[in-house]
Amino acid sequence: MFKNSPNPPHNPSPMFVVAPGIDVQTLLGHACESLASASVMASNFAASLEGSHRNMLLGIQQSIMLGELAVNRALDQIDPQES
């Protein structure tokens, strides 16, 4: 079906907004910390489960960990640390 009027502009809810002036390194740092916390929470919760539910949560935890590794790599490229 063809619509004569365009969609109204999307206005995001201001309830949770990242300040526009925050630099990329700070954003990645917070993302890394959030992913690390999520990984620990998932791992701890998986310890209380058994069978397929545990396996599924460990798979989710691994995906979180891979995201954390990617963010860490991005941080290393922005501000390489000397070894």
PDB file of N, CA and C in Angstrom:
ATOM      1  N   MET A   1       0.835  -1.171   0.000  1.00  0.00           N
ATOM      2  CA  MET A   1       0.000   0.000   0.000  1.00  0.00           C
ATOM      3  C   MET A   1       0.882   1.237   0.000  1.00  0.00           C
ATOM      4  N   PHE A   2       0.568   2.229  -0.785  1.00  0.00           N
ATOM      5  CA  PHE A   2       1.345   3.459  -0.892  1.00  0.00           C
ATOM      6  C   PHE A   2       0.827   4.483   0.106  1.00  0.00           C
ATOM      7  N   LYS A   3       1.733   5.130   0.786  1.00  0.00           N
ATOM      8  CA  LYS A   3       1.374   6.125   1.786  1.00  0.00           C
ATOM      9  C   LYS A   3       1.734   7.504   1.246  1.00  0.00           C
ATOM     10  N   ASN A   4       0.812   8.446   1.304  1.00  0.00           N
ATOM     11  CA  ASN A   4       1.032   9.789   0.768  1.00  0.00           C
ATOM     12  C   ASN A   4       1.935  10.647   1.646  1.00  0.00           C
ATOM     13  N   SER A   5       1.924  10.444   2.943  1.00  0.00           N
ATOM     14  CA  SER A   5       2.716  11.301   3.831  1.00  0.00           C
ATOM     15  C   SER A   5       3.940  10.545   4.337  1.00  0.00           C
ATOM     16  N   PRO A   6       5.057  11.236   4.531  1.00  0.00           N
ATOM     17  CA  PRO A   6       6.265  10.570   5.048  1.00  0.00           C
ATOM     18  C   PRO A   6       6.106  10.259   6.534  1.00  0.00           C
ATOM     19  N   ASN A   7       6.965   9.364   6.998  1.00  0.00           N
ATOM     20  CA  ASN A   7       6.965   9.048   8.425  1.00  0.00           C
ATOM     21  C   ASN A   7       7.388  10.272   9.219  1.00  0.00           C
ATOM     22  N   PRO A   8       6.821  10.464  10.411  1.00  0.00           N
ATOM     23  CA  PRO A   8       7.261  11.599  11.236  1.00  0.00           C
ATOM     24  C   PRO A   8       8.708  11.386  11.661  1.00  0.00           C
ATOM     25  N   PRO A   9       9.436  12.459  11.950  1.00  0.00           N
ATOM     26  CA  PRO A   9      10.833  12.297  12.372  1.00  0.00           C
ATOM     27  C   PRO A   9      10.917  11.511  13.678  1.00  0.00           C
ATOM     28  N   HIS A  10      11.967  10.720  13.789  1.00  0.00           N
ATOM     29  CA  HIS A  10      12.179   9.914  14.994  1.00  0.00           C
ATOM     30  C   HIS A  10      12.874  10.769  16.046  1.00  0.00           C
ATOM     31  N   ASN A  11      12.239  10.923  17.178  1.00  0.00           N
ATOM     32  CA  ASN A  11      12.829  11.655  18.299  1.00  0.00           C
ATOM     33  C   ASN A  11      13.149  10.661  19.400  1.00  0.00           C
ATOM     34  N   PRO A  12      14.444  10.371  19.631  1.00  0.00           N
ATOM     35  CA  PRO A  12      14.785   9.401  20.667  1.00  0.00           C
ATOM     36  C   PRO A  12      14.378   9.914  22.044  1.00  0.00           C
ATOM     37  N   SER A  13      14.035   8.989  22.910  1.00  0.00           N
ATOM     38  CA  SER A  13      13.667   9.344  24.273  1.00  0.00           C
ATOM     39  C   SER A  13      14.889   9.891  25.003  1.00  0.00           C
ATOM     40  N   PRO A  14      14.752  11.024  25.685  1.00  0.00           N
ATOM     41  CA  PRO A  14      15.897  11.588  26.401  1.00  0.00           C
ATOM     42  C   PRO A  14      16.159  10.910  27.742  1.00  0.00           C
ATOM     43  N   MET A  15      15.438   9.825  28.046  1.00  0.00           N
ATOM     44  CA  MET A  15      15.609   9.179  29.338  1.00  0.00           C
ATOM     45  C   MET A  15      17.039   8.663  29.523  1.00  0.00           C
ATOM     46  N   PHE A  16      17.584   8.026  28.492  1.00  0.00           N
ATOM     47  CA  PHE A  16      18.954   7.529  28.542  1.00  0.00           C
ATOM     48  C   PHE A  16      19.686   8.063  27.319  1.00  0.00           C
ATOM     49  N   VAL A  17      20.482   9.081  27.514  1.00  0.00           N
ATOM     50  CA  VAL A  17      21.182   9.717  26.406  1.00  0.00           C
ATOM     51  C   VAL A  17      22.658   9.824  26.765  1.00  0.00           C
ATOM     52  N   VAL A  18      23.514   9.480  25.810  1.00  0.00           N
ATOM     53  CA  VAL A  18      24.949   9.673  25.990  1.00  0.00           C
ATOM     54  C   VAL A  18      25.264  11.106  25.584  1.00  0.00           C
ATOM     55  N   ALA A  19      25.948  11.807  26.448  1.00  0.00           N
ATOM     56  CA  ALA A  19      26.287  13.206  26.172  1.00  0.00           C
ATOM     57  C   ALA A  19      27.047  13.297  24.856  1.00  0.00           C
ATOM     58  N   PRO A  20      26.648  14.204  23.969  1.00  0.00           N
ATOM     59  CA  PRO A  20      27.257  14.277  22.640  1.00  0.00           C
ATOM     60  C   PRO A  20      28.736  14.657  22.640  1.00  0.00           C
ATOM     61  N   GLY A  21      29.243  15.281  23.677  1.00  0.00           N
ATOM     62  CA  GLY A  21      30.636  15.717  23.684  1.00  0.00           C
ATOM     63  C   GLY A  21      31.627  14.697  24.207  1.00  0.00           C
ATOM     64  N   ILE A  22      31.171  13.503  24.554  1.00  0.00           N
ATOM     65  CA  ILE A  22      32.066  12.488  25.122  1.00  0.00           C
ATOM     66  C   ILE A  22      32.961  11.925  24.020  1.00  0.00           C
ATOM     67  N   ASP A  23      34.265  11.829  24.312  1.00  0.00           N
ATOM     68  CA  ASP A  23      35.208  11.344  23.297  1.00  0.00           C
ATOM     69  C   ASP A  23      35.124   9.822  23.154  1.00  0.00           C
ATOM     70  N   VAL A  24      35.613   9.341  22.022  1.00  0.00           N
ATOM     71  CA  VAL A  24      35.513   7.917  21.669  1.00  0.00           C
ATOM     72  C   VAL A  24      36.230   7.036  22.686  1.00  0.00           C
ATOM     73  N   GLN A  25      37.384   7.456  23.150  1.00  0.00           N
ATOM     74  CA  GLN A  25      38.140   6.640  24.098  1.00  0.00           C
ATOM     75  C   GLN A  25      37.358   6.434  25.396  1.00  0.00           C
ATOM     76  N   THR A  26      36.711   7.471  25.883  1.00  0.00           N
ATOM     77  CA  THR A  26      35.901   7.357  27.094  1.00  0.00           C
ATOM     78  C   THR A  26      34.707   6.443  26.867  1.00  0.00           C
ATOM     79  N   LEU A  27      34.043   6.594  25.719  1.00  0.00           N
ATOM     80  CA  LEU A  27      32.903   5.730  25.402  1.00  0.00           C
ATOM     81  C   LEU A  27      33.325   4.265  25.334  1.00  0.00           C
ATOM     82  N   LEU A  28      34.446   3.996  24.674  1.00  0.00           N
ATOM     83  CA  LEU A  28      34.934   2.619  24.574  1.00  0.00           C
ATOM     84  C   LEU A  28      35.332   2.076  25.946  1.00  0.00           C
ATOM     85  N   GLY A  29      35.915   2.925  26.780  1.00  0.00           N
ATOM     86  CA  GLY A  29      36.282   2.504  28.132  1.00  0.00           C
ATOM     87  C   GLY A  29      35.065   2.073  28.939  1.00  0.00           C
ATOM     88  N   HIS A  30      34.006   2.873  28.868  1.00  0.00           N
ATOM     89  CA  HIS A  30      32.773   2.514  29.576  1.00  0.00           C
ATOM     90  C   HIS A  30      32.138   1.261  28.982  1.00  0.00           C
ATOM     91  N   ALA A  31      32.176   1.127  27.660  1.00  0.00           N
ATOM     92  CA  ALA A  31      31.633  -0.069  27.016  1.00  0.00           C
ATOM     93  C   ALA A  31      32.403  -1.306  27.468  1.00  0.00           C
ATOM     94  N   CYS A  32      33.714  -1.183  27.554  1.00  0.00           N
ATOM     95  CA  CYS A  32      34.551  -2.302  27.983  1.00  0.00           C
ATOM     96  C   CYS A  32      34.207  -2.719  29.412  1.00  0.00           C
ATOM     97  N   GLU A  33      34.060  -1.741  30.308  1.00  0.00           N
ATOM     98  CA  GLU A  33      33.718  -2.042  31.696  1.00  0.00           C
ATOM     99  C   GLU A  33      32.334  -2.682  31.801  1.00  0.00           C
ATOM    100  N   SER A  34      31.387  -2.195  31.016  1.00  0.00           N
ATOM    101  CA  SER A  34      30.035  -2.768  31.030  1.00  0.00           C
ATOM    102  C   SER A  34      30.044  -4.206  30.526  1.00  0.00           C
ATOM    103  N   LEU A  35      30.794  -4.453  29.445  1.00  0.00           N
ATOM    104  CA  LEU A  35      30.883  -5.810  28.908  1.00  0.00           C
ATOM    105  C   LEU A  35      31.587  -6.747  29.886  1.00  0.00           C
ATOM    106  N   ALA A  36      32.626  -6.261  30.565  1.00  0.00           N
ATOM    107  CA  ALA A  36      33.327  -7.086  31.550  1.00  0.00           C
ATOM    108  C   ALA A  36      32.383  -7.456  32.694  1.00  0.00           C
ATOM    109  N   SER A  37      31.588  -6.496  33.152  1.00  0.00           N
ATOM    110  CA  SER A  37      30.623  -6.771  34.220  1.00  0.00           C
ATOM    111  C   SER A  37      29.570  -7.770  33.761  1.00  0.00           C
ATOM    112  N   ALA A  38      29.060  -7.595  32.547  1.00  0.00           N
ATOM    113  CA  ALA A  38      28.054  -8.516  32.012  1.00  0.00           C
ATOM    114  C   ALA A  38      28.629  -9.925  31.884  1.00  0.00           C
ATOM    115  N   SER A  39      29.886 -10.024  31.491  1.00  0.00           N
ATOM    116  CA  SER A  39      30.532 -11.327  31.352  1.00  0.00           C
ATOM    117  C   SER A  39      30.624 -12.036  32.699  1.00  0.00           C
ATOM    118  N   VAL A  40      31.022 -11.298  33.733  1.00  0.00           N
ATOM    119  CA  VAL A  40      31.131 -11.882  35.076  1.00  0.00           C
ATOM    120  C   VAL A  40      29.753 -12.298  35.590  1.00  0.00           C
ATOM    121  N   MET A  41      28.747 -11.439  35.390  1.00  0.00           N
ATOM    122  CA  MET A  41      27.395 -11.782  35.847  1.00  0.00           C
ATOM    123  C   MET A  41      26.881 -13.034  35.150  1.00  0.00           C
ATOM    124  N   ALA A  42      27.093 -13.133  33.844  1.00  0.00           N
ATOM    125  CA  ALA A  42      26.633 -14.302  33.096  1.00  0.00           C
ATOM    126  C   ALA A  42      27.367 -15.557  33.552  1.00  0.00           C
ATOM    127  N   SER A  43      28.664 -15.436  33.773  1.00  0.00           N
ATOM    128  CA  SER A  43      29.454 -16.584  34.213  1.00  0.00           C
ATOM    129  C   SER A  43      29.012 -17.055  35.599  1.00  0.00           C
ATOM    130  N   ASN A  44      28.813 -16.106  36.510  1.00  0.00           N
ATOM    131  CA  ASN A  44      28.371 -16.465  37.861  1.00  0.00           C
ATOM    132  C   ASN A  44      26.979 -17.101  37.842  1.00  0.00           C
ATOM    133  N   PHE A  45      26.094 -16.567  37.013  1.00  0.00           N
ATOM    134  CA  PHE A  45      24.747 -17.121  36.923  1.00  0.00           C
ATOM    135  C   PHE A  45      24.780 -18.511  36.290  1.00  0.00           C
ATOM    136  N   ALA A  46      25.642 -18.702  35.297  1.00  0.00           N
ATOM    137  CA  ALA A  46      25.755 -20.010  34.641  1.00  0.00           C
ATOM    138  C   ALA A  46      26.182 -21.082  35.633  1.00  0.00           C
ATOM    139  N   ALA A  47      26.966 -20.695  36.642  1.00  0.00           N
ATOM    140  CA  ALA A  47      27.424 -21.661  37.639  1.00  0.00           C
ATOM    141  C   ALA A  47      26.259 -22.242  38.438  1.00  0.00           C
ATOM    142  N   SER A  48      25.140 -21.513  38.482  1.00  0.00           N
ATOM    143  CA  SER A  48      23.987 -22.000  39.243  1.00  0.00           C
ATOM    144  C   SER A  48      23.026 -22.829  38.386  1.00  0.00           C
ATOM    145  N   LEU A  49      23.331 -22.969  37.102  1.00  0.00           N
ATOM    146  CA  LEU A  49      22.454 -23.698  36.188  1.00  0.00           C
ATOM    147  C   LEU A  49      23.067 -25.037  35.801  1.00  0.00           C
ATOM    148  N   GLU A  50      22.244 -25.872  35.185  1.00  0.00           N
ATOM    149  CA  GLU A  50      22.716 -27.169  34.707  1.00  0.00           C
ATOM    150  C   GLU A  50      22.200 -27.422  33.302  1.00  0.00           C
ATOM    151  N   GLY A  51      22.856 -28.327  32.615  1.00  0.00           N
ATOM    152  CA  GLY A  51      22.388 -28.801  31.320  1.00  0.00           C
ATOM    153  C   GLY A  51      22.370 -27.747  30.232  1.00  0.00           C
ATOM    154  N   SER A  52      21.329 -27.810  29.409  1.00  0.00           N
ATOM    155  CA  SER A  52      21.268 -26.942  28.228  1.00  0.00           C
ATOM    156  C   SER A  52      21.142 -25.466  28.590  1.00  0.00           C
ATOM    157  N   HIS A  53      20.497 -25.162  29.725  1.00  0.00           N
ATOM    158  CA  HIS A  53      20.396 -23.759  30.137  1.00  0.00           C
ATOM    159  C   HIS A  53      21.782 -23.192  30.465  1.00  0.00           C
ATOM    160  N   ARG A  54      22.585 -24.001  31.136  1.00  0.00           N
ATOM    161  CA  ARG A  54      23.950 -23.577  31.461  1.00  0.00           C
ATOM    162  C   ARG A  54      24.766 -23.387  30.186  1.00  0.00           C
ATOM    163  N   ASN A  55      24.652 -24.340  29.270  1.00  0.00           N
ATOM    164  CA  ASN A  55      25.393 -24.248  28.011  1.00  0.00           C
ATOM    165  C   ASN A  55      24.984 -23.016  27.215  1.00  0.00           C
ATOM    166  N   MET A  56      23.689 -22.726  27.192  1.00  0.00           N
ATOM    167  CA  MET A  56      23.212 -21.557  26.461  1.00  0.00           C
ATOM    168  C   MET A  56      23.764 -20.273  27.086  1.00  0.00           C
ATOM    169  N   LEU A  57      23.731 -20.181  28.413  1.00  0.00           N
ATOM    170  CA  LEU A  57      24.231 -18.975  29.071  1.00  0.00           C
ATOM    171  C   LEU A  57      25.741 -18.834  28.895  1.00  0.00           C
ATOM    172  N   LEU A  58      26.464 -19.931  28.891  1.00  0.00           N
ATOM    173  CA  LEU A  58      27.906 -19.851  28.647  1.00  0.00           C
ATOM    174  C   LEU A  58      28.195 -19.394  27.219  1.00  0.00           C
ATOM    175  N   GLY A  59      27.345 -19.780  26.267  1.00  0.00           N
ATOM    176  CA  GLY A  59      27.477 -19.275  24.898  1.00  0.00           C
ATOM    177  C   GLY A  59      27.236 -17.779  24.833  1.00  0.00           C
ATOM    178  N   ILE A  60      26.232 -17.300  25.559  1.00  0.00           N
ATOM    179  CA  ILE A  60      25.971 -15.857  25.628  1.00  0.00           C
ATOM    180  C   ILE A  60      27.156 -15.150  26.275  1.00  0.00           C
ATOM    181  N   GLN A  61      27.684 -15.732  27.342  1.00  0.00           N
ATOM    182  CA  GLN A  61      28.837 -15.141  28.029  1.00  0.00           C
ATOM    183  C   GLN A  61      30.035 -15.061  27.096  1.00  0.00           C
ATOM    184  N   GLN A  62      30.222 -16.066  26.255  1.00  0.00           N
ATOM    185  CA  GLN A  62      31.332 -16.044  25.306  1.00  0.00           C
ATOM    186  C   GLN A  62      31.142 -14.930  24.280  1.00  0.00           C
ATOM    187  N   SER A  63      29.921 -14.708  23.835  1.00  0.00           N
ATOM    188  CA  SER A  63      29.648 -13.606  22.903  1.00  0.00           C
ATOM    189  C   SER A  63      29.955 -12.262  23.553  1.00  0.00           C
ATOM    190  N   ILE A  64      29.589 -12.122  24.820  1.00  0.00           N
ATOM    191  CA  ILE A  64      29.897 -10.889  25.553  1.00  0.00           C
ATOM    192  C   ILE A  64      31.408 -10.705  25.630  1.00  0.00           C
ATOM    193  N   MET A  65      32.117 -11.784  25.940  1.00  0.00           N
ATOM    194  CA  MET A  65      33.568 -11.720  26.057  1.00  0.00           C
ATOM    195  C   MET A  65      34.221 -11.338  24.729  1.00  0.00           C
ATOM    196  N   LEU A  66      33.701 -11.860  23.618  1.00  0.00           N
ATOM    197  CA  LEU A  66      34.245 -11.501  22.306  1.00  0.00           C
ATOM    198  C   LEU A  66      34.013 -10.017  22.008  1.00  0.00           C
ATOM    199  N   GLY A  67      32.861  -9.495  22.412  1.00  0.00           N
ATOM    200  CA  GLY A  67      32.607  -8.061  22.274  1.00  0.00           C
ATOM    201  C   GLY A  67      33.584  -7.250  23.099  1.00  0.00           C
ATOM    202  N   GLU A  68      33.864  -7.714  24.307  1.00  0.00           N
ATOM    203  CA  GLU A  68      34.832  -7.036  25.173  1.00  0.00           C
ATOM    204  C   GLU A  68      36.224  -7.031  24.541  1.00  0.00           C
ATOM    205  N   LEU A  69      36.621  -8.156  23.948  1.00  0.00           N
ATOM    206  CA  LEU A  69      37.921  -8.221  23.277  1.00  0.00           C
ATOM    207  C   LEU A  69      37.998  -7.242  22.109  1.00  0.00           C
ATOM    208  N   ALA A  70      36.910  -7.128  21.350  1.00  0.00           N
ATOM    209  CA  ALA A  70      36.886  -6.196  20.219  1.00  0.00           C
ATOM    210  C   ALA A  70      37.001  -4.752  20.694  1.00  0.00           C
ATOM    211  N   VAL A  71      36.302  -4.418  21.774  1.00  0.00           N
ATOM    212  CA  VAL A  71      36.386  -3.055  22.316  1.00  0.00           C
ATOM    213  C   VAL A  71      37.795  -2.789  22.842  1.00  0.00           C
ATOM    214  N   ASN A  72      38.393  -3.769  23.508  1.00  0.00           N
ATOM    215  CA  ASN A  72      39.769  -3.598  23.988  1.00  0.00           C
ATOM    216  C   ASN A  72      40.740  -3.376  22.836  1.00  0.00           C
ATOM    217  N   ARG A  73      40.549  -4.101  21.737  1.00  0.00           N
ATOM    218  CA  ARG A  73      41.415  -3.922  20.572  1.00  0.00           C
ATOM    219  C   ARG A  73      41.256  -2.511  20.009  1.00  0.00           C
ATOM    220  N   ALA A  74      40.021  -2.022  19.951  1.00  0.00           N
ATOM    221  CA  ALA A  74      39.776  -0.656  19.476  1.00  0.00           C
ATOM    222  C   ALA A  74      40.458   0.356  20.393  1.00  0.00           C
ATOM    223  N   LEU A  75      40.382   0.129  21.699  1.00  0.00           N
ATOM    224  CA  LEU A  75      41.057   1.032  22.647  1.00  0.00           C
ATOM    225  C   LEU A  75      42.566   1.007  22.442  1.00  0.00           C
ATOM    226  N   ASP A  76      43.122  -0.185  22.198  1.00  0.00           N
ATOM    227  CA  ASP A  76      44.563  -0.297  21.955  1.00  0.00           C
ATOM    228  C   ASP A  76      44.980   0.474  20.709  1.00  0.00           C
ATOM    229  N   GLN A  77      44.128   0.505  19.695  1.00  0.00           N
ATOM    230  CA  GLN A  77      44.459   1.236  18.475  1.00  0.00           C
ATOM    231  C   GLN A  77      44.371   2.742  18.683  1.00  0.00           C
ATOM    232  N   ILE A  78      43.478   3.174  19.566  1.00  0.00           N
ATOM    233  CA  ILE A  78      43.347   4.607  19.849  1.00  0.00           C
ATOM    234  C   ILE A  78      44.496   5.087  20.717  1.00  0.00           C
ATOM    235  N   ASP A  79      44.835   4.301  21.750  1.00  0.00           N
ATOM    236  CA  ASP A  79      45.884   4.689  22.695  1.00  0.00           C
ATOM    237  C   ASP A  79      46.752   3.475  22.987  1.00  0.00           C
ATOM    238  N   PRO A  80      47.709   3.165  22.089  1.00  0.00           N
ATOM    239  CA  PRO A  80      48.539   1.971  22.296  1.00  0.00           C
ATOM    240  C   PRO A  80      49.349   2.067  23.590  1.00  0.00           C
ATOM    241  N   GLN A  81      49.344   0.994  24.352  1.00  0.00           N
ATOM    242  CA  GLN A  81      50.115   0.926  25.594  1.00  0.00           C
ATOM    243  C   GLN A  81      51.481   0.322  25.291  1.00  0.00           C
ATOM    244  N   GLU A  82      52.498   0.869  25.930  1.00  0.00           N
ATOM    245  CA  GLU A  82      53.842   0.312  25.734  1.00  0.00           C
ATOM    246  C   GLU A  82      53.969  -0.978  26.528  1.00  0.00           C
ATOM    247  N   SER A  83      54.591  -1.999  25.922  1.00  0.00           N
ATOM    248  CA  SER A  83      54.756  -3.293  26.590  1.00  0.00           C
ATOM    249  C   SER A  83      56.006  -3.309  27.421  1.00  0.00           C
TER     250      SER A  83
END
